[in-house]
């Protein structure tokens, strides 16, 4: 029972830390090219990735989109 509780605590901690790191990336105003943020965003489910890309696009409209936010047809345009 103690191992199960520890496993649950670890999973929750990882989700909270990863979620905070991702949210900090999509709401930043410095650069859309943070390597950890790009990797986290590109591995999320489509609705969350789209929301994150929309936030980045609103802030960095005049830059090339980072990996995971590029449209399939043209790598130079946002999703």
C-alpha atoms as a PDB file:
ATOM      1  CA  UNK A   1       0.000   0.000   0.000  1.00  0.00           C
ATOM      2  CA  UNK A   2       2.862   2.388   0.761  1.00  0.00           C
ATOM      3  CA  UNK A   3       4.463   1.728  -2.626  1.00  0.00           C
ATOM      4  CA  UNK A   4       1.173   2.474  -4.388  1.00  0.00           C
ATOM      5  CA  UNK A   5       0.822   5.753  -2.491  1.00  0.00           C
ATOM      6  CA  UNK A   6       4.397   6.708  -3.316  1.00  0.00           C
ATOM      7  CA  UNK A   7       3.809   5.929  -7.002  1.00  0.00           C
ATOM      8  CA  UNK A   8       0.679   8.108  -7.051  1.00  0.00           C
ATOM      9  CA  UNK A   9       2.543  10.973  -5.368  1.00  0.00           C
ATOM     10  CA  UNK A  10       5.386  10.714  -7.892  1.00  0.00           C
ATOM     11  CA  UNK A  11       3.016  10.701 -10.873  1.00  0.00           C
ATOM     12  CA  UNK A  12       1.112  13.712  -9.538  1.00  0.00           C
ATOM     13  CA  UNK A  13       4.377  15.575  -8.869  1.00  0.00           C
ATOM     14  CA  UNK A  14       5.640  14.890 -12.405  1.00  0.00           C
ATOM     15  CA  UNK A  15       2.352  16.048 -13.940  1.00  0.00           C
ATOM     16  CA  UNK A  16       2.322  19.231 -11.838  1.00  0.00           C
ATOM     17  CA  UNK A  17       5.950  20.118 -12.597  1.00  0.00           C
ATOM     18  CA  UNK A  18       5.596  19.290 -16.307  1.00  0.00           C
ATOM     19  CA  UNK A  19       2.304  21.182 -16.557  1.00  0.00           C
ATOM     20  CA  UNK A  20       3.792  24.233 -14.887  1.00  0.00           C
ATOM     21  CA  UNK A  21       6.838  24.115 -17.153  1.00  0.00           C
ATOM     22  CA  UNK A  22       4.631  23.846 -20.262  1.00  0.00           C
ATOM     23  CA  UNK A  23       2.336  26.675 -19.164  1.00  0.00           C
ATOM     24  CA  UNK A  24       5.340  28.869 -18.401  1.00  0.00           C
ATOM     25  CA  UNK A  25       6.614  28.179 -21.942  1.00  0.00           C
ATOM     26  CA  UNK A  26       3.366  29.005 -23.770  1.00  0.00           C
ATOM     27  CA  UNK A  27       2.796  32.173 -21.731  1.00  0.00           C
ATOM     28  CA  UNK A  28       6.354  33.539 -21.972  1.00  0.00           C
ATOM     29  CA  UNK A  29       7.215  36.767 -23.778  1.00  0.00           C
ATOM     30  CA  UNK A  30      10.901  36.155 -24.473  1.00  0.00           C
ATOM     31  CA  UNK A  31      11.209  33.442 -27.130  1.00  0.00           C
ATOM     32  CA  UNK A  32       9.094  30.673 -28.671  1.00  0.00           C
ATOM     33  CA  UNK A  33      12.217  28.526 -29.144  1.00  0.00           C
ATOM     34  CA  UNK A  34      12.789  27.088 -25.657  1.00  0.00           C
ATOM     35  CA  UNK A  35      13.904  23.482 -26.251  1.00  0.00           C
ATOM     36  CA  UNK A  36      12.157  21.937 -23.240  1.00  0.00           C
ATOM     37  CA  UNK A  37       8.955  23.866 -23.897  1.00  0.00           C
ATOM     38  CA  UNK A  38       8.916  22.862 -27.552  1.00  0.00           C
ATOM     39  CA  UNK A  39       9.368  19.204 -26.623  1.00  0.00           C
ATOM     40  CA  UNK A  40       6.629  19.295 -23.993  1.00  0.00           C
ATOM     41  CA  UNK A  41       4.229  21.101 -26.320  1.00  0.00           C
ATOM     42  CA  UNK A  42       4.875  18.790 -29.265  1.00  0.00           C
ATOM     43  CA  UNK A  43       4.058  15.697 -27.173  1.00  0.00           C
ATOM     44  CA  UNK A  44       0.735  16.911 -25.781  1.00  0.00           C
ATOM     45  CA  UNK A  45      -2.656  15.885 -27.176  1.00  0.00           C
ATOM     46  CA  UNK A  46      -3.872  17.980 -30.116  1.00  0.00           C
ATOM     47  CA  UNK A  47      -6.338  20.228 -28.191  1.00  0.00           C
ATOM     48  CA  UNK A  48      -3.695  21.263 -25.628  1.00  0.00           C
ATOM     49  CA  UNK A  49      -1.013  21.640 -28.292  1.00  0.00           C
ATOM     50  CA  UNK A  50      -3.365  23.823 -30.383  1.00  0.00           C
ATOM     51  CA  UNK A  51      -4.153  26.014 -27.363  1.00  0.00           C
ATOM     52  CA  UNK A  52      -0.453  26.378 -26.584  1.00  0.00           C
ATOM     53  CA  UNK A  53       0.388  27.201 -30.198  1.00  0.00           C
ATOM     54  CA  UNK A  54      -2.402  29.776 -30.301  1.00  0.00           C
ATOM     55  CA  UNK A  55      -0.952  31.447 -27.187  1.00  0.00           C
ATOM     56  CA  UNK A  56       2.531  31.452 -28.714  1.00  0.00           C
ATOM     57  CA  UNK A  57       1.212  32.767 -32.039  1.00  0.00           C
ATOM     58  CA  UNK A  58      -0.568  35.644 -30.288  1.00  0.00           C
ATOM     59  CA  UNK A  59       2.710  36.651 -28.638  1.00  0.00           C
ATOM     60  CA  UNK A  60       5.160  35.858 -31.463  1.00  0.00           C
ATOM     61  CA  UNK A  61       3.115  36.437 -34.623  1.00  0.00           C
ATOM     62  CA  UNK A  62       6.068  37.759 -36.633  1.00  0.00           C
ATOM     63  CA  UNK A  63       8.363  34.762 -36.056  1.00  0.00           C
ATOM     64  CA  UNK A  64       8.592  31.300 -37.555  1.00  0.00           C
ATOM     65  CA  UNK A  65       6.567  28.758 -35.580  1.00  0.00           C
ATOM     66  CA  UNK A  66       8.464  26.319 -33.354  1.00  0.00           C
ATOM     67  CA  UNK A  67       8.350  22.569 -33.974  1.00  0.00           C
ATOM     68  CA  UNK A  68       4.880  21.264 -33.169  1.00  0.00           C
ATOM     69  CA  UNK A  69       3.157  24.517 -34.141  1.00  0.00           C
ATOM     70  CA  UNK A  70       3.873  24.331 -37.864  1.00  0.00           C
ATOM     71  CA  UNK A  71       1.105  23.614 -40.322  1.00  0.00           C
ATOM     72  CA  UNK A  72       1.499  20.409 -42.293  1.00  0.00           C
ATOM     73  CA  UNK A  73       1.263  22.111 -45.666  1.00  0.00           C
ATOM     74  CA  UNK A  74       3.832  24.820 -45.046  1.00  0.00           C
ATOM     75  CA  UNK A  75       6.489  24.669 -42.341  1.00  0.00           C
ATOM     76  CA  UNK A  76       6.690  28.466 -42.263  1.00  0.00           C
ATOM     77  CA  UNK A  77       3.093  29.061 -41.165  1.00  0.00           C
ATOM     78  CA  UNK A  78       1.420  28.565 -37.816  1.00  0.00           C
ATOM     79  CA  UNK A  79      -1.272  25.941 -37.225  1.00  0.00           C
END
